[in-house]
Amino acid sequence: MGRILAIDYGGKRTGIAVTDPLQLIATPLEMVRSHELIAFLKQYLQKETVDAFVVGMPKKLDNTDTNGTLLVNRFLVQLKKEFAEMPVHLIDERFTSKMAMDTMIAGGMKKKDRRIKGNVDKISAVIILQSYMESNRL
């Protein structure tokens, strides 16, 4: 059994989270510059077995597209082209940044560490991955 890798794609930065090989626990992996993401994924997949990608899809409260939706859709075309054999699952990512910030505060993370945007991106990716895992439990 391989890992599941979650992607919180943004215009500048992308948060990445993965499961353990048994797909029980989601943990933050990395923050990568978005223009370097495909190269990072290729390198990661050479070292680790990944069963699927989970990508956060930004939507407004009324389920319409946001400014980020177009960016994510463009990325999805590239992702599916580069990794045609890999299943890609989309998860609603509404409120993940707010939830990530609340999680960091609740966990006692210092204010200066919370200001590092890459930390929010990684935690958001974990929340996206956990949401996917919870929705697919038997």
C-alpha atoms as a PDB file:
ATOM      1  CA  MET A   1       0.000   0.000   0.000  1.00  0.00           C
ATOM      2  CA  GLY A   2       1.328   3.426  -0.912  1.00  0.00           C
ATOM      3  CA  ARG A   3       0.897   6.872   0.504  1.00  0.00           C
ATOM      4  CA  ILE A   4      -1.758   9.404  -0.415  1.00  0.00           C
ATOM      5  CA  LEU A   5      -0.340  12.839  -1.185  1.00  0.00           C
ATOM      6  CA  ALA A   6      -2.403  16.007  -0.694  1.00  0.00           C
ATOM      7  CA  ILE A   7      -1.761  19.284  -2.472  1.00  0.00           C
ATOM      8  CA  ASP A   8      -2.910  22.734  -1.350  1.00  0.00           C
ATOM      9  CA  TYR A   9      -2.035  24.569  -4.566  1.00  0.00           C
ATOM     10  CA  GLY A  10      -1.503  28.315  -4.588  1.00  0.00           C
ATOM     11  CA  GLY A  11      -0.234  30.900  -7.018  1.00  0.00           C
ATOM     12  CA  LYS A  12       3.154  31.193  -5.281  1.00  0.00           C
ATOM     13  CA  ARG A  13       3.383  28.399  -2.701  1.00  0.00           C
ATOM     14  CA  THR A  14       1.976  24.902  -2.419  1.00  0.00           C
ATOM     15  CA  GLY A  15       1.532  22.950   0.785  1.00  0.00           C
ATOM     16  CA  ILE A  16       2.007  19.202   0.630  1.00  0.00           C
ATOM     17  CA  ALA A  17       0.929  16.539   3.111  1.00  0.00           C
ATOM     18  CA  VAL A  18       1.161  12.751   2.970  1.00  0.00           C
ATOM     19  CA  THR A  19      -0.182   9.734   4.752  1.00  0.00           C
ATOM     20  CA  ASP A  20       1.935   7.009   6.240  1.00  0.00           C
ATOM     21  CA  PRO A  21       2.238   3.869   4.046  1.00  0.00           C
ATOM     22  CA  LEU A  22      -0.785   2.312   5.810  1.00  0.00           C
ATOM     23  CA  GLN A  23      -2.833   5.437   5.030  1.00  0.00           C
ATOM     24  CA  LEU A  24      -3.798   5.989   8.665  1.00  0.00           C
ATOM     25  CA  ILE A  25      -2.098   9.265   9.604  1.00  0.00           C
ATOM     26  CA  ALA A  26      -1.797  12.539   7.679  1.00  0.00           C
ATOM     27  CA  THR A  27       1.319  14.641   8.277  1.00  0.00           C
ATOM     28  CA  PRO A  28       2.716  17.821   6.710  1.00  0.00           C
ATOM     29  CA  LEU A  29       5.517  17.147   4.268  1.00  0.00           C
ATOM     30  CA  GLU A  30       6.750  20.314   2.619  1.00  0.00           C
ATOM     31  CA  MET A  31       6.011  23.757   1.259  1.00  0.00           C
ATOM     32  CA  VAL A  32       7.170  24.046  -2.335  1.00  0.00           C
ATOM     33  CA  ARG A  33       7.202  26.996  -4.714  1.00  0.00           C
ATOM     34  CA  SER A  34       4.345  26.314  -7.106  1.00  0.00           C
ATOM     35  CA  HIS A  35       6.501  26.621 -10.220  1.00  0.00           C
ATOM     36  CA  GLU A  36       8.747  23.847  -8.807  1.00  0.00           C
ATOM     37  CA  LEU A  37       5.915  21.506  -7.798  1.00  0.00           C
ATOM     38  CA  ILE A  38       5.916  19.075 -10.733  1.00  0.00           C
ATOM     39  CA  ALA A  39       9.689  18.550 -10.395  1.00  0.00           C
ATOM     40  CA  PHE A  40       9.268  18.010  -6.647  1.00  0.00           C
ATOM     41  CA  LEU A  41       6.503  15.442  -7.224  1.00  0.00           C
ATOM     42  CA  LYS A  42       8.564  13.552  -9.809  1.00  0.00           C
ATOM     43  CA  GLN A  43      11.465  13.358  -7.377  1.00  0.00           C
ATOM     44  CA  TYR A  44       9.235  12.328  -4.475  1.00  0.00           C
ATOM     45  CA  LEU A  45       7.550   9.565  -6.491  1.00  0.00           C
ATOM     46  CA  GLN A  46      10.956   8.115  -7.332  1.00  0.00           C
ATOM     47  CA  LYS A  47      11.555   7.565  -3.586  1.00  0.00           C
ATOM     48  CA  GLU A  48       8.058   6.775  -2.315  1.00  0.00           C
ATOM     49  CA  THR A  49       5.069   4.780  -3.506  1.00  0.00           C
ATOM     50  CA  VAL A  50       2.030   7.032  -3.860  1.00  0.00           C
ATOM     51  CA  ASP A  51      -1.414   5.608  -4.604  1.00  0.00           C
ATOM     52  CA  ALA A  52      -3.262   8.860  -5.300  1.00  0.00           C
ATOM     53  CA  PHE A  53      -3.162  12.637  -5.271  1.00  0.00           C
ATOM     54  CA  VAL A  54      -5.728  14.700  -3.377  1.00  0.00           C
ATOM     55  CA  VAL A  55      -6.018  18.303  -4.520  1.00  0.00           C
ATOM     56  CA  GLY A  56      -7.844  21.051  -2.663  1.00  0.00           C
ATOM     57  CA  MET A  57     -10.394  22.821  -4.863  1.00  0.00           C
ATOM     58  CA  PRO A  58     -11.163  26.405  -3.837  1.00  0.00           C
ATOM     59  CA  LYS A  59     -14.843  27.393  -3.931  1.00  0.00           C
ATOM     60  CA  LYS A  60     -16.932  30.242  -2.534  1.00  0.00           C
ATOM     61  CA  LEU A  61     -19.671  29.635   0.027  1.00  0.00           C
ATOM     62  CA  ASP A  62     -22.249  29.477  -2.771  1.00  0.00           C
ATOM     63  CA  ASN A  63     -20.100  26.816  -4.501  1.00  0.00           C
ATOM     64  CA  THR A  64     -19.020  29.137  -7.328  1.00  0.00           C
ATOM     65  CA  ASP A  65     -15.435  29.479  -8.479  1.00  0.00           C
ATOM     66  CA  THR A  66     -12.913  31.733  -6.746  1.00  0.00           C
ATOM     67  CA  ASN A  67      -9.860  33.434  -8.233  1.00  0.00           C
ATOM     68  CA  GLY A  68      -7.860  30.376  -7.151  1.00  0.00           C
ATOM     69  CA  THR A  69     -10.128  27.893  -8.927  1.00  0.00           C
ATOM     70  CA  LEU A  70      -8.700  28.790 -12.348  1.00  0.00           C
ATOM     71  CA  LEU A  71      -5.147  28.340 -11.041  1.00  0.00           C
ATOM     72  CA  VAL A  72      -5.971  24.934  -9.599  1.00  0.00           C
ATOM     73  CA  ASN A  73      -7.721  23.841 -12.803  1.00  0.00           C
ATOM     74  CA  ARG A  74      -4.645  24.812 -14.848  1.00  0.00           C
ATOM     75  CA  PHE A  75      -2.452  22.886 -12.426  1.00  0.00           C
ATOM     76  CA  LEU A  76      -4.760  19.841 -12.681  1.00  0.00           C
ATOM     77  CA  VAL A  77      -4.261  19.727 -16.454  1.00  0.00           C
ATOM     78  CA  GLN A  78      -0.505  19.693 -15.956  1.00  0.00           C
ATOM     79  CA  LEU A  79      -0.689  17.163 -13.104  1.00  0.00           C
ATOM     80  CA  LYS A  80      -2.827  14.739 -15.115  1.00  0.00           C
ATOM     81  CA  LYS A  81      -0.522  15.132 -18.118  1.00  0.00           C
ATOM     82  CA  GLU A  82       2.642  14.407 -16.105  1.00  0.00           C
ATOM     83  CA  PHE A  83       1.132  11.618 -13.958  1.00  0.00           C
ATOM     84  CA  ALA A  84      -1.536  10.171 -16.244  1.00  0.00           C
ATOM     85  CA  GLU A  85      -1.689   6.857 -14.368  1.00  0.00           C
ATOM     86  CA  MET A  86      -2.206   8.445 -10.952  1.00  0.00           C
ATOM     87  CA  PRO A  87      -5.751   8.899  -9.597  1.00  0.00           C
ATOM     88  CA  VAL A  88      -6.527  12.511  -8.652  1.00  0.00           C
ATOM     89  CA  HIS A  89      -9.275  13.294  -6.141  1.00  0.00           C
ATOM     90  CA  LEU A  90     -10.639  16.788  -5.548  1.00  0.00           C
ATOM     91  CA  ILE A  91     -11.633  17.987  -2.076  1.00  0.00           C
ATOM     92  CA  ASP A  92     -13.417  21.185  -1.120  1.00  0.00           C
ATOM     93  CA  GLU A  93     -10.838  23.383   0.569  1.00  0.00           C
ATOM     94  CA  ARG A  94     -13.125  26.097   1.939  1.00  0.00           C
ATOM     95  CA  PHE A  95     -11.925  27.426   5.296  1.00  0.00           C
ATOM     96  CA  THR A  96      -8.754  25.287   5.375  1.00  0.00           C
ATOM     97  CA  SER A  97      -6.493  28.325   5.861  1.00  0.00           C
ATOM     98  CA  LYS A  98      -8.647  29.550   8.764  1.00  0.00           C
ATOM     99  CA  MET A  99      -8.723  26.043  10.249  1.00  0.00           C
ATOM    100  CA  ALA A 100      -4.935  25.788   9.829  1.00  0.00           C
ATOM    101  CA  MET A 101      -4.402  29.065  11.685  1.00  0.00           C
ATOM    102  CA  ASP A 102      -6.760  27.963  14.479  1.00  0.00           C
ATOM    103  CA  THR A 103      -4.898  24.654  14.718  1.00  0.00           C
ATOM    104  CA  MET A 104      -1.544  26.398  15.017  1.00  0.00           C
ATOM    105  CA  ILE A 105      -2.894  28.693  17.762  1.00  0.00           C
ATOM    106  CA  ALA A 106      -4.461  25.776  19.637  1.00  0.00           C
ATOM    107  CA  GLY A 107      -1.195  23.855  19.335  1.00  0.00           C
ATOM    108  CA  GLY A 108       0.714  26.690  20.972  1.00  0.00           C
ATOM    109  CA  MET A 109       2.713  27.744  17.914  1.00  0.00           C
ATOM    110  CA  LYS A 110       4.437  31.071  18.462  1.00  0.00           C
ATOM    111  CA  LYS A 111       3.108  34.118  16.622  1.00  0.00           C
ATOM    112  CA  LYS A 112       6.303  34.537  14.569  1.00  0.00           C
ATOM    113  CA  ASP A 113       6.042  30.910  13.379  1.00  0.00           C
ATOM    114  CA  ARG A 114       2.360  31.396  12.472  1.00  0.00           C
ATOM    115  CA  ARG A 115       3.362  34.314  10.245  1.00  0.00           C
ATOM    116  CA  ILE A 116       5.404  31.967   8.057  1.00  0.00           C
ATOM    117  CA  LYS A 117       2.915  31.370   5.261  1.00  0.00           C
ATOM    118  CA  GLY A 118       4.452  28.033   4.325  1.00  0.00           C
ATOM    119  CA  ASN A 119       3.349  26.676   7.706  1.00  0.00           C
ATOM    120  CA  VAL A 120      -0.271  27.581   6.946  1.00  0.00           C
ATOM    121  CA  ASP A 121       0.040  25.921   3.519  1.00  0.00           C
ATOM    122  CA  LYS A 122       1.377  22.664   4.985  1.00  0.00           C
ATOM    123  CA  ILE A 123      -1.283  22.509   7.714  1.00  0.00           C
ATOM    124  CA  SER A 124      -3.977  23.302   5.119  1.00  0.00           C
ATOM    125  CA  ALA A 125      -2.738  20.352   3.052  1.00  0.00           C
ATOM    126  CA  VAL A 126      -3.034  18.119   6.132  1.00  0.00           C
ATOM    127  CA  ILE A 127      -6.625  19.293   6.658  1.00  0.00           C
ATOM    128  CA  ILE A 128      -7.434  18.564   3.006  1.00  0.00           C
ATOM    129  CA  LEU A 129      -5.903  15.099   3.357  1.00  0.00           C
ATOM    130  CA  GLN A 130      -7.725  14.356   6.609  1.00  0.00           C
ATOM    131  CA  SER A 131     -10.993  15.447   5.015  1.00  0.00           C
ATOM    132  CA  TYR A 132     -10.380  13.053   2.126  1.00  0.00           C
ATOM    133  CA  MET A 133      -9.458  10.208   4.469  1.00  0.00           C
ATOM    134  CA  GLU A 134     -12.576  10.756   6.618  1.00  0.00           C
ATOM    135  CA  SER A 135     -14.866  10.845   3.601  1.00  0.00           C
ATOM    136  CA  ASN A 136     -13.453   7.540   2.314  1.00  0.00           C
ATOM    137  CA  ARG A 137     -13.566   5.473   5.498  1.00  0.00           C
ATOM    138  CA  LEU A 138     -15.600   2.314   5.264  1.00  0.00           C
END
